[in-house]
Every structure is written in C-alpha cells, then in structure tokens.
Full PDB file with SEQRES, HELIX, SHEET, SSBOND, CRYST1, ORIGX, SCALE, CONECT and MASTER records, all heavy atoms in Angstrom:
SEQRES   1 A   35  VAL HIS THR GLY LEU ASN SER ARG PRO ASP GLY ALA THR          
SEQRES   2 A   35  ALA GLY PRO PRO ALA GLY ASP CYS GLN ALA TYR HIS PHE          
SEQRES   3 A   35  SER PRO ALA ALA PRO PHE ARG ILE VAL                          
HELIX    1 AA1 GLY A   11  THR A   13  5                                   3    
CRYST1    1.000    1.000    1.000  90.00  90.00  90.00 P 1           1          
ORIGX1      1.000000  0.000000  0.000000        0.00000                         
ORIGX2      0.000000  1.000000  0.000000        0.00000                         
ORIGX3      0.000000  0.000000  1.000000        0.00000                         
SCALE1      1.000000  0.000000  0.000000        0.00000                         
SCALE2      0.000000  1.000000  0.000000        0.00000                         
SCALE3      0.000000  0.000000  1.000000        0.00000                         
ATOM      1  N   VAL A   1      -1.734  13.032  -0.211  1.00  0.00           N  
ATOM      2  CA  VAL A   1      -1.109  11.899   0.454  1.00  0.00           C  
ATOM      3  C   VAL A   1      -1.745  11.740   1.870  1.00  0.00           C  
ATOM      4  O   VAL A   1      -1.776  10.634   2.376  1.00  0.00           O  
ATOM      5  CB  VAL A   1       0.437  12.288   0.727  1.00  0.00           C  
ATOM      6  CG1 VAL A   1       1.027  11.507   1.663  1.00  0.00           C  
ATOM      7  CG2 VAL A   1       1.160  12.136  -0.626  1.00  0.00           C  
ATOM      8  N   HIS A   2      -2.495  12.887   2.478  1.00  0.00           N  
ATOM      9  CA  HIS A   2      -2.951  12.678   3.744  1.00  0.00           C  
ATOM     10  C   HIS A   2      -4.578  12.484   3.596  1.00  0.00           C  
ATOM     11  O   HIS A   2      -5.297  12.845   4.572  1.00  0.00           O  
ATOM     12  CB  HIS A   2      -2.704  14.005   4.502  1.00  0.00           C  
ATOM     13  CG  HIS A   2      -1.225  14.228   4.662  1.00  0.00           C  
ATOM     14  ND1 HIS A   2      -0.415  13.405   5.497  1.00  0.00           N  
ATOM     15  CD2 HIS A   2      -0.366  15.155   4.083  1.00  0.00           C  
ATOM     16  CE1 HIS A   2       0.882  13.883   5.422  1.00  0.00           C  
ATOM     17  NE2 HIS A   2       0.886  14.995   4.552  1.00  0.00           N  
ATOM     18  N   THR A   3      -4.947  12.046   2.473  1.00  0.00           N  
ATOM     19  CA  THR A   3      -6.494  11.804   2.355  1.00  0.00           C  
ATOM     20  C   THR A   3      -6.745  10.315   2.204  1.00  0.00           C  
ATOM     21  O   THR A   3      -5.763   9.475   2.042  1.00  0.00           O  
ATOM     22  CB  THR A   3      -7.016  12.496   1.160  1.00  0.00           C  
ATOM     23  OG1 THR A   3      -6.643  11.894  -0.091  1.00  0.00           O  
ATOM     24  CG2 THR A   3      -6.652  13.974   1.146  1.00  0.00           C  
ATOM     25  N   GLY A   4      -7.911   9.942   2.130  1.00  0.00           N  
ATOM     26  CA  GLY A   4      -8.270   8.512   1.947  1.00  0.00           C  
ATOM     27  C   GLY A   4      -8.047   8.030   0.465  1.00  0.00           C  
ATOM     28  O   GLY A   4      -8.168   6.758   0.202  1.00  0.00           O  
ATOM     29  N   LEU A   5      -7.628   8.853  -0.498  1.00  0.00           N  
ATOM     30  CA  LEU A   5      -7.258   8.533  -1.815  1.00  0.00           C  
ATOM     31  C   LEU A   5      -5.881   8.032  -1.816  1.00  0.00           C  
ATOM     32  O   LEU A   5      -5.399   7.455  -2.898  1.00  0.00           O  
ATOM     33  CB  LEU A   5      -7.487   9.799  -2.714  1.00  0.00           C  
ATOM     34  CG  LEU A   5      -8.876  10.114  -3.106  1.00  0.00           C  
ATOM     35  CD1 LEU A   5      -8.768  11.227  -4.197  1.00  0.00           C  
ATOM     36  CD2 LEU A   5      -9.621   8.933  -3.656  1.00  0.00           C  
ATOM     37  N   ASN A   6      -5.064   8.136  -0.757  1.00  0.00           N  
ATOM     38  CA  ASN A   6      -3.837   7.600  -0.684  1.00  0.00           C  
ATOM     39  C   ASN A   6      -3.741   6.137  -0.297  1.00  0.00           C  
ATOM     40  O   ASN A   6      -3.857   5.825   0.953  1.00  0.00           O  
ATOM     41  CB  ASN A   6      -2.875   8.389   0.171  1.00  0.00           C  
ATOM     42  CG  ASN A   6      -1.495   7.830   0.235  1.00  0.00           C  
ATOM     43  OD1 ASN A   6      -1.077   7.147  -0.646  1.00  0.00           O  
ATOM     44  ND2 ASN A   6      -0.648   8.205   1.221  1.00  0.00           N  
ATOM     45  N   SER A   7      -3.623   5.205  -1.238  1.00  0.00           N  
ATOM     46  CA  SER A   7      -3.655   3.794  -0.865  1.00  0.00           C  
ATOM     47  C   SER A   7      -2.245   3.161  -1.134  1.00  0.00           C  
ATOM     48  O   SER A   7      -2.137   1.886  -1.128  1.00  0.00           O  
ATOM     49  CB  SER A   7      -4.628   2.980  -1.612  1.00  0.00           C  
ATOM     50  OG  SER A   7      -4.686   3.314  -3.007  1.00  0.00           O  
ATOM     51  N   ARG A   8      -1.271   3.898  -1.260  1.00  0.00           N  
ATOM     52  CA  ARG A   8       0.108   3.540  -1.379  1.00  0.00           C  
ATOM     53  C   ARG A   8       0.670   2.968  -0.165  1.00  0.00           C  
ATOM     54  O   ARG A   8       0.663   3.719   0.909  1.00  0.00           O  
ATOM     55  CB  ARG A   8       1.036   4.604  -2.024  1.00  0.00           C  
ATOM     56  CG  ARG A   8       2.394   4.211  -2.156  1.00  0.00           C  
ATOM     57  CD  ARG A   8       3.234   5.399  -2.764  1.00  0.00           C  
ATOM     58  NE  ARG A   8       4.654   5.113  -3.187  1.00  0.00           N  
ATOM     59  CZ  ARG A   8       5.629   5.431  -2.300  1.00  0.00           C  
ATOM     60  NH1 ARG A   8       5.502   5.895  -1.093  1.00  0.00           N  
ATOM     61  NH2 ARG A   8       6.909   5.177  -2.717  1.00  0.00           N  
ATOM     62  N   PRO A   9       1.037   1.636  -0.061  1.00  0.00           N  
ATOM     63  CA  PRO A   9       1.568   1.147   1.254  1.00  0.00           C  
ATOM     64  C   PRO A   9       2.990   1.677   1.399  1.00  0.00           C  
ATOM     65  O   PRO A   9       3.787   2.060   0.587  1.00  0.00           O  
ATOM     66  CB  PRO A   9       1.563  -0.435   0.915  1.00  0.00           C  
ATOM     67  CG  PRO A   9       1.836  -0.551  -0.574  1.00  0.00           C  
ATOM     68  CD  PRO A   9       1.029   0.698  -1.182  1.00  0.00           C  
ATOM     69  N   ASP A  10       3.266   1.475   2.769  1.00  0.00           N  
ATOM     70  CA  ASP A  10       4.779   1.834   3.019  1.00  0.00           C  
ATOM     71  C   ASP A  10       5.564   0.411   2.846  1.00  0.00           C  
ATOM     72  O   ASP A  10       5.011  -0.579   2.888  1.00  0.00           O  
ATOM     73  CB  ASP A  10       4.787   2.232   4.601  1.00  0.00           C  
ATOM     74  CG  ASP A  10       4.159   3.545   4.741  1.00  0.00           C  
ATOM     75  OD1 ASP A  10       4.275   4.414   3.928  1.00  0.00           O  
ATOM     76  OD2 ASP A  10       3.566   3.696   5.996  1.00  0.00           O  
ATOM     77  N   GLY A  11       6.834   0.693   2.775  1.00  0.00           N  
ATOM     78  CA  GLY A  11       7.675  -0.480   2.723  1.00  0.00           C  
ATOM     79  C   GLY A  11       7.991  -1.056   1.332  1.00  0.00           C  
ATOM     80  O   GLY A  11       7.925  -0.247   0.280  1.00  0.00           O  
ATOM     81  N   ALA A  12       8.369  -2.307   1.179  1.00  0.00           N  
ATOM     82  CA  ALA A  12       8.853  -2.883   0.007  1.00  0.00           C  
ATOM     83  C   ALA A  12       7.886  -2.835  -1.319  1.00  0.00           C  
ATOM     84  O   ALA A  12       8.391  -2.850  -2.365  1.00  0.00           O  
ATOM     85  CB  ALA A  12       9.209  -4.374   0.305  1.00  0.00           C  
ATOM     86  N   THR A  13       6.523  -2.801  -0.888  1.00  0.00           N  
ATOM     87  CA  THR A  13       5.670  -2.925  -2.107  1.00  0.00           C  
ATOM     88  C   THR A  13       5.431  -1.475  -2.719  1.00  0.00           C  
ATOM     89  O   THR A  13       4.700  -1.389  -3.693  1.00  0.00           O  
ATOM     90  CB  THR A  13       4.328  -3.481  -1.695  1.00  0.00           C  
ATOM     91  OG1 THR A  13       3.796  -2.893  -0.644  1.00  0.00           O  
ATOM     92  CG2 THR A  13       4.544  -4.907  -1.255  1.00  0.00           C  
ATOM     93  N   ALA A  14       5.998  -0.436  -1.971  1.00  0.00           N  
ATOM     94  CA  ALA A  14       5.628   0.883  -2.615  1.00  0.00           C  
ATOM     95  C   ALA A  14       6.681   1.128  -3.724  1.00  0.00           C  
ATOM     96  O   ALA A  14       7.476   0.321  -4.054  1.00  0.00           O  
ATOM     97  CB  ALA A  14       5.972   1.836  -1.520  1.00  0.00           C  
ATOM     98  N   GLY A  15       6.458   2.253  -4.383  1.00  0.00           N  
ATOM     99  CA  GLY A  15       7.217   2.608  -5.657  1.00  0.00           C  
ATOM    100  C   GLY A  15       8.602   3.058  -5.268  1.00  0.00           C  
ATOM    101  O   GLY A  15       9.125   2.803  -4.188  1.00  0.00           O  
ATOM    102  N   PRO A  16       9.185   3.905  -6.299  1.00  0.00           N  
ATOM    103  CA  PRO A  16      10.552   4.336  -6.146  1.00  0.00           C  
ATOM    104  C   PRO A  16      10.696   5.063  -4.868  1.00  0.00           C  
ATOM    105  O   PRO A  16       9.824   5.928  -4.362  1.00  0.00           O  
ATOM    106  CB  PRO A  16      10.752   5.215  -7.301  1.00  0.00           C  
ATOM    107  CG  PRO A  16       9.762   4.690  -8.269  1.00  0.00           C  
ATOM    108  CD  PRO A  16       8.608   4.199  -7.486  1.00  0.00           C  
ATOM    109  N   PRO A  17      11.731   4.776  -3.999  1.00  0.00           N  
ATOM    110  CA  PRO A  17      11.942   5.582  -2.620  1.00  0.00           C  
ATOM    111  C   PRO A  17      12.111   6.935  -2.690  1.00  0.00           C  
ATOM    112  O   PRO A  17      11.753   7.629  -1.994  1.00  0.00           O  
ATOM    113  CB  PRO A  17      13.060   4.835  -2.123  1.00  0.00           C  
ATOM    114  CG  PRO A  17      13.843   4.350  -3.289  1.00  0.00           C  
ATOM    115  CD  PRO A  17      12.736   3.956  -4.305  1.00  0.00           C  
ATOM    116  N   ALA A  18      12.716   7.429  -3.862  1.00  0.00           N  
ATOM    117  CA  ALA A  18      12.974   8.929  -4.023  1.00  0.00           C  
ATOM    118  C   ALA A  18      11.621   9.712  -4.396  1.00  0.00           C  
ATOM    119  O   ALA A  18      10.929   9.108  -5.303  1.00  0.00           O  
ATOM    120  CB  ALA A  18      14.007   9.132  -4.956  1.00  0.00           C  
ATOM    121  N   GLY A  19      11.383  10.822  -3.899  1.00  0.00           N  
ATOM    122  CA  GLY A  19      10.239  11.640  -4.294  1.00  0.00           C  
ATOM    123  C   GLY A  19       8.941  11.138  -3.774  1.00  0.00           C  
ATOM    124  O   GLY A  19       8.839  10.385  -2.807  1.00  0.00           O  
ATOM    125  N   ASP A  20       7.980  11.508  -4.505  1.00  0.00           N  
ATOM    126  CA  ASP A  20       6.443  11.212  -4.024  1.00  0.00           C  
ATOM    127  C   ASP A  20       5.628  10.378  -4.975  1.00  0.00           C  
ATOM    128  O   ASP A  20       4.502  10.537  -5.185  1.00  0.00           O  
ATOM    129  CB  ASP A  20       5.839  12.560  -3.703  1.00  0.00           C  
ATOM    130  CG  ASP A  20       5.783  13.467  -4.895  1.00  0.00           C  
ATOM    131  OD1 ASP A  20       6.332  13.052  -5.922  1.00  0.00           O  
ATOM    132  OD2 ASP A  20       5.346  14.671  -4.663  1.00  0.00           O  
ATOM    133  N   CYS A  21       6.384   9.489  -5.804  1.00  0.00           N  
ATOM    134  CA  CYS A  21       5.772   8.716  -6.817  1.00  0.00           C  
ATOM    135  C   CYS A  21       4.640   7.765  -6.092  1.00  0.00           C  
ATOM    136  O   CYS A  21       4.964   7.223  -5.074  1.00  0.00           O  
ATOM    137  CB  CYS A  21       6.717   7.936  -7.492  1.00  0.00           C  
ATOM    138  SG  CYS A  21       6.036   6.922  -8.901  1.00  0.00           S  
ATOM    139  N   GLN A  22       3.522   7.701  -6.701  1.00  0.00           N  
ATOM    140  CA  GLN A  22       2.402   7.034  -6.071  1.00  0.00           C  
ATOM    141  C   GLN A  22       2.309   5.597  -6.774  1.00  0.00           C  
ATOM    142  O   GLN A  22       1.208   5.033  -6.796  1.00  0.00           O  
ATOM    143  CB  GLN A  22       1.065   7.741  -6.295  1.00  0.00           C  
ATOM    144  CG  GLN A  22       0.844   8.779  -5.253  1.00  0.00           C  
ATOM    145  CD  GLN A  22       0.526   8.171  -3.937  1.00  0.00           C  
ATOM    146  OE1 GLN A  22      -0.303   7.248  -3.837  1.00  0.00           O  
ATOM    147  NE2 GLN A  22       1.177   8.722  -2.923  1.00  0.00           N  
ATOM    148  N   ALA A  23       3.426   4.982  -7.248  1.00  0.00           N  
ATOM    149  CA  ALA A  23       3.333   3.634  -7.726  1.00  0.00           C  
ATOM    150  C   ALA A  23       3.532   2.614  -6.781  1.00  0.00           C  
ATOM    151  O   ALA A  23       4.190   2.867  -5.747  1.00  0.00           O  
ATOM    152  CB  ALA A  23       4.605   3.390  -8.758  1.00  0.00           C  
ATOM    153  N   TYR A  24       2.793   1.467  -6.765  1.00  0.00           N  
ATOM    154  CA  TYR A  24       2.891   0.332  -5.727  1.00  0.00           C  
ATOM    155  C   TYR A  24       2.324  -0.890  -6.461  1.00  0.00           C  
ATOM    156  O   TYR A  24       1.921  -0.794  -7.620  1.00  0.00           O  
ATOM    157  CB  TYR A  24       2.164   0.874  -4.549  1.00  0.00           C  
ATOM    158  CG  TYR A  24       0.682   1.070  -4.709  1.00  0.00           C  
ATOM    159  CD1 TYR A  24      -0.256   0.071  -4.499  1.00  0.00           C  
ATOM    160  CD2 TYR A  24       0.300   2.238  -5.149  1.00  0.00           C  
ATOM    161  CE1 TYR A  24      -1.604   0.332  -4.558  1.00  0.00           C  
ATOM    162  CE2 TYR A  24      -1.218   2.509  -5.312  1.00  0.00           C  
ATOM    163  CZ  TYR A  24      -2.079   1.568  -4.945  1.00  0.00           C  
ATOM    164  OH  TYR A  24      -3.444   1.759  -5.156  1.00  0.00           O  
ATOM    165  N   HIS A  25       2.465  -2.020  -5.730  1.00  0.00           N  
ATOM    166  CA  HIS A  25       2.038  -3.292  -6.143  1.00  0.00           C  
ATOM    167  C   HIS A  25       1.494  -4.007  -4.983  1.00  0.00           C  
ATOM    168  O   HIS A  25       2.013  -3.881  -3.798  1.00  0.00           O  
ATOM    169  CB  HIS A  25       3.145  -4.008  -7.093  1.00  0.00           C  
ATOM    170  CG  HIS A  25       4.313  -4.333  -6.235  1.00  0.00           C  
ATOM    171  ND1 HIS A  25       4.449  -5.757  -5.737  1.00  0.00           N  
ATOM    172  CD2 HIS A  25       5.460  -3.694  -5.873  1.00  0.00           C  
ATOM    173  CE1 HIS A  25       5.543  -5.789  -5.023  1.00  0.00           C  
ATOM    174  NE2 HIS A  25       6.209  -4.524  -5.131  1.00  0.00           N  
ATOM    175  N   PHE A  26       0.741  -5.090  -5.373  1.00  0.00           N  
ATOM    176  CA  PHE A  26       0.205  -5.979  -4.316  1.00  0.00           C  
ATOM    177  C   PHE A  26      -0.285  -7.249  -5.123  1.00  0.00           C  
ATOM    178  O   PHE A  26      -0.560  -7.201  -6.289  1.00  0.00           O  
ATOM    179  CB  PHE A  26      -0.887  -5.333  -3.512  1.00  0.00           C  
ATOM    180  CG  PHE A  26      -2.084  -4.923  -4.331  1.00  0.00           C  
ATOM    181  CD1 PHE A  26      -3.227  -5.807  -4.495  1.00  0.00           C  
ATOM    182  CD2 PHE A  26      -2.213  -3.690  -4.995  1.00  0.00           C  
ATOM    183  CE1 PHE A  26      -4.340  -5.366  -5.125  1.00  0.00           C  
ATOM    184  CE2 PHE A  26      -3.217  -3.279  -5.672  1.00  0.00           C  
ATOM    185  CZ  PHE A  26      -4.356  -4.000  -5.750  1.00  0.00           C  
ATOM    186  N   SER A  27      -0.435  -8.361  -4.311  1.00  0.00           N  
ATOM    187  CA  SER A  27      -1.003  -9.592  -4.916  1.00  0.00           C  
ATOM    188  C   SER A  27      -2.261  -9.931  -4.142  1.00  0.00           C  
ATOM    189  O   SER A  27      -2.262 -10.365  -3.132  1.00  0.00           O  
ATOM    190  CB  SER A  27       0.035 -10.689  -4.611  1.00  0.00           C  
ATOM    191  OG  SER A  27      -0.492 -11.950  -5.184  1.00  0.00           O  
ATOM    192  N   PRO A  28      -3.407  -9.774  -4.849  1.00  0.00           N  
ATOM    193  CA  PRO A  28      -4.717 -10.033  -4.282  1.00  0.00           C  
ATOM    194  C   PRO A  28      -4.928 -11.603  -4.112  1.00  0.00           C  
ATOM    195  O   PRO A  28      -5.597 -12.121  -3.121  1.00  0.00           O  
ATOM    196  CB  PRO A  28      -5.718  -9.500  -5.218  1.00  0.00           C  
ATOM    197  CG  PRO A  28      -5.042  -9.483  -6.505  1.00  0.00           C  
ATOM    198  CD  PRO A  28      -3.473  -9.246  -6.270  1.00  0.00           C  
ATOM    199  N   ALA A  29      -4.228 -12.452  -4.995  1.00  0.00           N  
ATOM    200  CA  ALA A  29      -4.348 -13.937  -4.910  1.00  0.00           C  
ATOM    201  C   ALA A  29      -3.319 -14.425  -5.981  1.00  0.00           C  
ATOM    202  O   ALA A  29      -3.313 -13.872  -7.103  1.00  0.00           O  
ATOM    203  CB  ALA A  29      -5.740 -14.308  -5.335  1.00  0.00           C  
ATOM    204  N   ALA A  30      -2.620 -15.401  -5.445  1.00  0.00           N  
ATOM    205  CA  ALA A  30      -1.638 -16.079  -6.435  1.00  0.00           C  
ATOM    206  C   ALA A  30      -2.309 -16.725  -7.633  1.00  0.00           C  
ATOM    207  O   ALA A  30      -3.531 -17.171  -7.461  1.00  0.00           O  
ATOM    208  CB  ALA A  30      -0.825 -17.112  -5.624  1.00  0.00           C  
ATOM    209  N   PRO A  31      -1.834 -16.747  -8.867  1.00  0.00           N  
ATOM    210  CA  PRO A  31      -0.569 -16.077  -9.105  1.00  0.00           C  
ATOM    211  C   PRO A  31      -0.563 -14.609  -9.694  1.00  0.00           C  
ATOM    212  O   PRO A  31       0.247 -14.249 -10.575  1.00  0.00           O  
ATOM    213  CB  PRO A  31      -0.028 -17.057 -10.231  1.00  0.00           C  
ATOM    214  CG  PRO A  31      -1.333 -17.270 -10.988  1.00  0.00           C  
ATOM    215  CD  PRO A  31      -2.385 -17.291 -10.007  1.00  0.00           C  
ATOM    216  N   PHE A  32      -1.505 -13.901  -9.315  1.00  0.00           N  
ATOM    217  CA  PHE A  32      -1.822 -12.530  -9.940  1.00  0.00           C  
ATOM    218  C   PHE A  32      -0.980 -11.561  -9.064  1.00  0.00           C  
ATOM    219  O   PHE A  32      -1.093 -11.527  -7.762  1.00  0.00           O  
ATOM    220  CB  PHE A  32      -3.192 -12.253 -10.035  1.00  0.00           C  
ATOM    221  CG  PHE A  32      -3.884 -13.004 -11.162  1.00  0.00           C  
ATOM    222  CD1 PHE A  32      -4.550 -14.235 -10.874  1.00  0.00           C  
ATOM    223  CD2 PHE A  32      -3.825 -12.609 -12.499  1.00  0.00           C  
ATOM    224  CE1 PHE A  32      -5.117 -14.893 -11.850  1.00  0.00           C  
ATOM    225  CE2 PHE A  32      -4.483 -13.294 -13.360  1.00  0.00           C  
ATOM    226  CZ  PHE A  32      -5.125 -14.479 -13.177  1.00  0.00           C  
ATOM    227  N   ARG A  33      -0.601 -10.553  -9.782  1.00  0.00           N  
ATOM    228  CA  ARG A  33      -0.123  -9.311  -9.106  1.00  0.00           C  
ATOM    229  C   ARG A  33      -0.601  -8.068  -9.713  1.00  0.00           C  
ATOM    230  O   ARG A  33      -0.687  -7.905 -10.942  1.00  0.00           O  
ATOM    231  CB  ARG A  33       1.437  -9.320  -9.064  1.00  0.00           C  
ATOM    232  CG  ARG A  33       2.093  -8.025  -8.312  1.00  0.00           C  
ATOM    233  CD  ARG A  33       3.530  -8.209  -8.002  1.00  0.00           C  
ATOM    234  NE  ARG A  33       3.753  -9.459  -7.279  1.00  0.00           N  
ATOM    235  CZ  ARG A  33       3.691  -9.664  -5.940  1.00  0.00           C  
ATOM    236  NH1 ARG A  33       3.397  -8.495  -5.349  1.00  0.00           N  
ATOM    237  NH2 ARG A  33       3.939 -10.689  -5.396  1.00  0.00           N  
ATOM    238  N   ILE A  34      -1.019  -7.075  -9.085  1.00  0.00           N  
ATOM    239  CA  ILE A  34      -1.440  -5.676  -9.557  1.00  0.00           C  
ATOM    240  C   ILE A  34      -0.308  -4.800  -9.354  1.00  0.00           C  
ATOM    241  O   ILE A  34       0.212  -4.608  -8.245  1.00  0.00           O  
ATOM    242  CB  ILE A  34      -2.758  -5.317  -8.860  1.00  0.00           C  
ATOM    243  CG1 ILE A  34      -3.746  -6.278  -8.732  1.00  0.00           C  
ATOM    244  CG2 ILE A  34      -3.200  -3.892  -9.502  1.00  0.00           C  
ATOM    245  CD1 ILE A  34      -4.461  -6.799 -10.010  1.00  0.00           C  
ATOM    246  N   VAL A  35      -0.021  -4.032 -10.472  1.00  0.00           N  
ATOM    247  CA  VAL A  35       0.985  -3.025 -10.369  1.00  0.00           C  
ATOM    248  C   VAL A  35       0.268  -1.702 -10.708  1.00  0.00           C  
ATOM    249  O   VAL A  35      -0.266  -1.497 -11.816  1.00  0.00           O  
ATOM    250  CB  VAL A  35       2.166  -3.179 -11.440  1.00  0.00           C  
ATOM    251  CG1 VAL A  35       3.177  -2.049 -11.239  1.00  0.00           C  
ATOM    252  CG2 VAL A  35       2.917  -4.457 -10.958  1.00  0.00           C  
TER     253      VAL A  35                                                      
MASTER        0    0    0    1    0    0    0    6  252    1    0    3          
END                                                                             
C-alpha cells in the first residue's frame, strides 16, 4: 500500500470501503471504463 505499486485512488472510485481490497475503477475516455 505504501509503494509505487499502489494505484488505488481514494474516494468514490475505490473499491469496497471495508478492509484493504485493491479494486478500483476509472474512465480514461468516454464511453470506456476500466474496472
């Protein structure tokens, strides 16, 4: 979590709030989303 391999953002786009799950999503360009 404290290295450069952690690219999970904070806030609404991050994964489940409980625990340390590294799931997240982002949209590089409409209409695409990466999960």
